[in-house]
Amino acid sequence: MKKDTIDKLIGRIDHIKEEDLQRFFVKLAEQQGFFQQVFEAIQEGLILLDNKGKILFVNKAALKLFDKERGQITPDDFCIFLGRDCSWDTIQQSQTAVSRDTEIFYPEHRFLNIFISPIGSKNQGHLVLIRDETPRHKKKRRKP
């Protein structure tokens, strides 16, 4: 839902009928549920953070890659994969996307691509995509 639509709604909330307001929130909840199902269906790990580093959403694929439960993942978990110079502060200050390939050994030996991108025009947060590149690396090794 567009921010200007929500701002208009908030500005007129005292004049909106209760049943119209209820219908709006039902529609909003349905949309959120739909997008959550889409994000869970994505095979890549997906993490959404606000501008302070608080994790707003993490899908099942990311939880599996990190071998963690919901609520246990922190920005430090994926910063470890990006190198020693990585911290949440450096990510937050960056205005451009960062993409790195890395090799991990826990919970399984894997090759990952970590992509972190700021979202929103005013640094509203960051999107982290984690792609498991292990099958591609195994194919490369098999070729003569």
C-alpha atoms as a PDB file:
ATOM      1  CA  MET A   1       0.000   0.000   0.000  1.00  0.00           C
ATOM      2  CA  LYS A   2       1.332   3.435  -0.916  1.00  0.00           C
ATOM      3  CA  LYS A   3       2.503   5.714   1.865  1.00  0.00           C
ATOM      4  CA  ASP A   4       0.414   8.653   0.598  1.00  0.00           C
ATOM      5  CA  THR A   5      -2.737   6.481   0.801  1.00  0.00           C
ATOM      6  CA  ILE A   6      -1.989   5.636   4.418  1.00  0.00           C
ATOM      7  CA  ASP A   7      -1.189   9.284   5.220  1.00  0.00           C
ATOM      8  CA  LYS A   8      -4.552  10.353   3.733  1.00  0.00           C
ATOM      9  CA  LEU A   9      -6.315   7.661   5.745  1.00  0.00           C
ATOM     10  CA  ILE A  10      -4.672   8.798   8.984  1.00  0.00           C
ATOM     11  CA  GLY A  11      -5.590  12.409   8.238  1.00  0.00           C
ATOM     12  CA  ARG A  12      -9.260  11.503   7.798  1.00  0.00           C
ATOM     13  CA  ILE A  13      -9.551   8.688  10.335  1.00  0.00           C
ATOM     14  CA  ASP A  14     -12.074  10.572  12.502  1.00  0.00           C
ATOM     15  CA  HIS A  15     -14.436  10.875   9.525  1.00  0.00           C
ATOM     16  CA  ILE A  16     -14.260   7.288   8.278  1.00  0.00           C
ATOM     17  CA  LYS A  17     -17.053   4.881   9.058  1.00  0.00           C
ATOM     18  CA  GLU A  18     -16.096   2.026  11.352  1.00  0.00           C
ATOM     19  CA  GLU A  19     -17.049  -0.647   8.789  1.00  0.00           C
ATOM     20  CA  ASP A  20     -14.930   1.058   6.082  1.00  0.00           C
ATOM     21  CA  LEU A  21     -11.960   1.191   8.439  1.00  0.00           C
ATOM     22  CA  GLN A  22     -12.443  -2.458   9.335  1.00  0.00           C
ATOM     23  CA  ARG A  23     -12.617  -3.395   5.636  1.00  0.00           C
ATOM     24  CA  PHE A  24      -9.388  -1.460   4.994  1.00  0.00           C
ATOM     25  CA  PHE A  25      -7.515  -3.294   7.745  1.00  0.00           C
ATOM     26  CA  VAL A  26      -8.817  -6.678   6.600  1.00  0.00           C
ATOM     27  CA  LYS A  27      -7.551  -5.917   3.083  1.00  0.00           C
ATOM     28  CA  LEU A  28      -4.202  -4.767   4.488  1.00  0.00           C
ATOM     29  CA  ALA A  29      -3.847  -7.969   6.531  1.00  0.00           C
ATOM     30  CA  GLU A  30      -4.686 -10.090   3.469  1.00  0.00           C
ATOM     31  CA  GLN A  31      -2.006  -8.295   1.440  1.00  0.00           C
ATOM     32  CA  GLN A  32       0.556  -8.781   4.194  1.00  0.00           C
ATOM     33  CA  GLY A  33      -0.296 -12.479   4.396  1.00  0.00           C
ATOM     34  CA  PHE A  34       0.048 -12.809   0.622  1.00  0.00           C
ATOM     35  CA  PHE A  35       3.475 -11.144   0.566  1.00  0.00           C
ATOM     36  CA  GLN A  36       4.644 -13.251   3.495  1.00  0.00           C
ATOM     37  CA  GLN A  37       3.667 -16.395   1.552  1.00  0.00           C
ATOM     38  CA  VAL A  38       5.607 -15.119  -1.473  1.00  0.00           C
ATOM     39  CA  PHE A  39       8.714 -14.392   0.620  1.00  0.00           C
ATOM     40  CA  GLU A  40       8.524 -17.822   2.258  1.00  0.00           C
ATOM     41  CA  ALA A  41       8.290 -19.495  -1.171  1.00  0.00           C
ATOM     42  CA  ILE A  42      11.525 -17.873  -2.368  1.00  0.00           C
ATOM     43  CA  GLN A  43      14.395 -20.350  -2.234  1.00  0.00           C
ATOM     44  CA  GLU A  44      16.986 -17.680  -1.474  1.00  0.00           C
ATOM     45  CA  GLY A  45      17.410 -16.482   2.076  1.00  0.00           C
ATOM     46  CA  LEU A  46      15.672 -13.150   2.561  1.00  0.00           C
ATOM     47  CA  ILE A  47      16.108 -10.813   5.520  1.00  0.00           C
ATOM     48  CA  LEU A  48      14.544  -7.358   5.861  1.00  0.00           C
ATOM     49  CA  LEU A  49      15.995  -4.915   8.405  1.00  0.00           C
ATOM     50  CA  ASP A  50      14.932  -1.455   9.496  1.00  0.00           C
ATOM     51  CA  ASN A  51      17.407   1.457   9.513  1.00  0.00           C
ATOM     52  CA  LYS A  52      18.554   0.585  13.051  1.00  0.00           C
ATOM     53  CA  GLY A  53      19.421  -3.033  12.202  1.00  0.00           C
ATOM     54  CA  LYS A  54      16.323  -4.590  13.741  1.00  0.00           C
ATOM     55  CA  ILE A  55      15.243  -7.624  11.743  1.00  0.00           C
ATOM     56  CA  LEU A  56      11.686  -7.152  10.539  1.00  0.00           C
ATOM     57  CA  PHE A  57      11.369 -10.328   8.491  1.00  0.00           C
ATOM     58  CA  VAL A  58      13.388 -13.455   7.822  1.00  0.00           C
ATOM     59  CA  ASN A  59      12.199 -16.300   5.611  1.00  0.00           C
ATOM     60  CA  LYS A  60      12.586 -20.052   6.158  1.00  0.00           C
ATOM     61  CA  ALA A  61      15.417 -20.345   3.622  1.00  0.00           C
ATOM     62  CA  ALA A  62      17.558 -17.857   5.587  1.00  0.00           C
ATOM     63  CA  LEU A  63      16.802 -19.639   8.849  1.00  0.00           C
ATOM     64  CA  LYS A  64      17.923 -22.921   7.297  1.00  0.00           C
ATOM     65  CA  LEU A  65      21.177 -21.439   5.920  1.00  0.00           C
ATOM     66  CA  PHE A  66      22.038 -19.999   9.331  1.00  0.00           C
ATOM     67  CA  ASP A  67      20.703 -23.007  11.261  1.00  0.00           C
ATOM     68  CA  LYS A  68      18.794 -20.660  13.561  1.00  0.00           C
ATOM     69  CA  GLU A  69      15.253 -20.074  14.761  1.00  0.00           C
ATOM     70  CA  ARG A  70      13.197 -16.916  14.240  1.00  0.00           C
ATOM     71  CA  GLY A  71      14.389 -14.209  16.583  1.00  0.00           C
ATOM     72  CA  GLN A  72      17.935 -15.583  16.783  1.00  0.00           C
ATOM     73  CA  ILE A  73      19.431 -14.007  13.637  1.00  0.00           C
ATOM     74  CA  THR A  74      21.267 -10.695  14.031  1.00  0.00           C
ATOM     75  CA  PRO A  75      23.077  -8.465  11.515  1.00  0.00           C
ATOM     76  CA  ASP A  76      26.344  -9.882  12.870  1.00  0.00           C
ATOM     77  CA  ASP A  77      25.390 -13.301  11.470  1.00  0.00           C
ATOM     78  CA  PHE A  78      25.642 -12.174   7.863  1.00  0.00           C
ATOM     79  CA  CYS A  79      28.369  -9.572   8.519  1.00  0.00           C
ATOM     80  CA  ILE A  80      30.641 -12.468   9.471  1.00  0.00           C
ATOM     81  CA  PHE A  81      30.268 -13.751   5.907  1.00  0.00           C
ATOM     82  CA  LEU A  82      31.159 -10.383   4.374  1.00  0.00           C
ATOM     83  CA  GLY A  83      34.600 -10.076   5.903  1.00  0.00           C
ATOM     84  CA  ARG A  84      36.454  -8.529   8.794  1.00  0.00           C
ATOM     85  CA  ASP A  85      35.785  -4.973   7.673  1.00  0.00           C
ATOM     86  CA  CYS A  86      32.031  -5.524   7.812  1.00  0.00           C
ATOM     87  CA  SER A  87      29.849  -4.205  10.605  1.00  0.00           C
ATOM     88  CA  TRP A  88      26.264  -3.068  10.766  1.00  0.00           C
ATOM     89  CA  ASP A  89      27.531   0.549  10.927  1.00  0.00           C
ATOM     90  CA  THR A  90      29.465   0.196   7.644  1.00  0.00           C
ATOM     91  CA  ILE A  91      26.482  -1.435   5.955  1.00  0.00           C
ATOM     92  CA  GLN A  92      24.103   1.225   7.221  1.00  0.00           C
ATOM     93  CA  GLN A  93      26.330   4.052   5.992  1.00  0.00           C
ATOM     94  CA  SER A  94      26.689   2.564   2.525  1.00  0.00           C
ATOM     95  CA  GLN A  95      24.374   4.050  -0.070  1.00  0.00           C
ATOM     96  CA  THR A  96      25.054   1.286  -2.583  1.00  0.00           C
ATOM     97  CA  ALA A  97      24.413  -2.428  -2.747  1.00  0.00           C
ATOM     98  CA  VAL A  98      27.121  -4.848  -1.619  1.00  0.00           C
ATOM     99  CA  SER A  99      27.538  -8.339  -3.045  1.00  0.00           C
ATOM    100  CA  ARG A 100      30.116 -10.868  -1.925  1.00  0.00           C
ATOM    101  CA  ASP A 101      30.743 -14.535  -2.492  1.00  0.00           C
ATOM    102  CA  THR A 102      31.799 -16.462   0.560  1.00  0.00           C
ATOM    103  CA  GLU A 103      32.439 -19.984   1.717  1.00  0.00           C
ATOM    104  CA  ILE A 104      30.995 -21.235   5.009  1.00  0.00           C
ATOM    105  CA  PHE A 105      31.620 -24.429   6.915  1.00  0.00           C
ATOM    106  CA  TYR A 106      28.775 -24.386   9.435  1.00  0.00           C
ATOM    107  CA  PRO A 107      26.094 -25.708   9.580  1.00  0.00           C
ATOM    108  CA  GLU A 108      27.191 -27.254   6.262  1.00  0.00           C
ATOM    109  CA  HIS A 109      30.020 -26.578   3.824  1.00  0.00           C
ATOM    110  CA  ARG A 110      28.439 -24.144   1.351  1.00  0.00           C
ATOM    111  CA  PHE A 111      29.285 -21.391  -1.082  1.00  0.00           C
ATOM    112  CA  LEU A 112      27.009 -18.388  -0.641  1.00  0.00           C
ATOM    113  CA  ASN A 113      26.423 -15.087  -2.369  1.00  0.00           C
ATOM    114  CA  ILE A 114      25.354 -12.382   0.091  1.00  0.00           C
ATOM    115  CA  PHE A 115      23.658  -9.333  -1.423  1.00  0.00           C
ATOM    116  CA  ILE A 116      22.781  -6.368   0.801  1.00  0.00           C
ATOM    117  CA  SER A 117      20.960  -3.360  -0.578  1.00  0.00           C
ATOM    118  CA  PRO A 118      19.569  -0.225   1.049  1.00  0.00           C
ATOM    119  CA  ILE A 119      15.840   0.181   0.488  1.00  0.00           C
ATOM    120  CA  GLY A 120      13.839   3.343   0.283  1.00  0.00           C
ATOM    121  CA  SER A 121      15.026   6.770  -0.754  1.00  0.00           C
ATOM    122  CA  LYS A 122      15.795   7.844   2.824  1.00  0.00           C
ATOM    123  CA  ASN A 123      17.677   4.771   4.068  1.00  0.00           C
ATOM    124  CA  GLN A 124      14.562   3.124   5.463  1.00  0.00           C
ATOM    125  CA  GLY A 125      16.349  -0.175   5.916  1.00  0.00           C
ATOM    126  CA  HIS A 126      18.187  -2.941   4.114  1.00  0.00           C
ATOM    127  CA  LEU A 127      17.333  -6.052   2.178  1.00  0.00           C
ATOM    128  CA  VAL A 128      19.644  -9.053   2.481  1.00  0.00           C
ATOM    129  CA  LEU A 129      19.454 -11.849  -0.097  1.00  0.00           C
ATOM    130  CA  ILE A 130      21.472 -15.004   0.443  1.00  0.00           C
ATOM    131  CA  ARG A 131      21.852 -17.329  -2.511  1.00  0.00           C
ATOM    132  CA  ASP A 132      23.261 -20.816  -2.096  1.00  0.00           C
ATOM    133  CA  GLU A 133      25.786 -21.191  -4.922  1.00  0.00           C
ATOM    134  CA  THR A 134      27.002 -24.637  -3.783  1.00  0.00           C
ATOM    135  CA  PRO A 135      25.439 -26.592  -6.689  1.00  0.00           C
ATOM    136  CA  ARG A 136      27.091 -24.254  -9.217  1.00  0.00           C
ATOM    137  CA  HIS A 137      30.475 -24.662  -7.523  1.00  0.00           C
ATOM    138  CA  LYS A 138      30.130 -28.452  -7.524  1.00  0.00           C
ATOM    139  CA  LYS A 139      29.373 -28.422 -11.266  1.00  0.00           C
ATOM    140  CA  LYS A 140      32.476 -26.319 -11.927  1.00  0.00           C
ATOM    141  CA  ARG A 141      34.664 -28.793 -10.050  1.00  0.00           C
ATOM    142  CA  ARG A 142      33.333 -31.767 -12.034  1.00  0.00           C
ATOM    143  CA  LYS A 143      34.119 -30.232 -15.420  1.00  0.00           C
ATOM    144  CA  PRO A 144      37.487 -31.273 -16.871  1.00  0.00           C
END
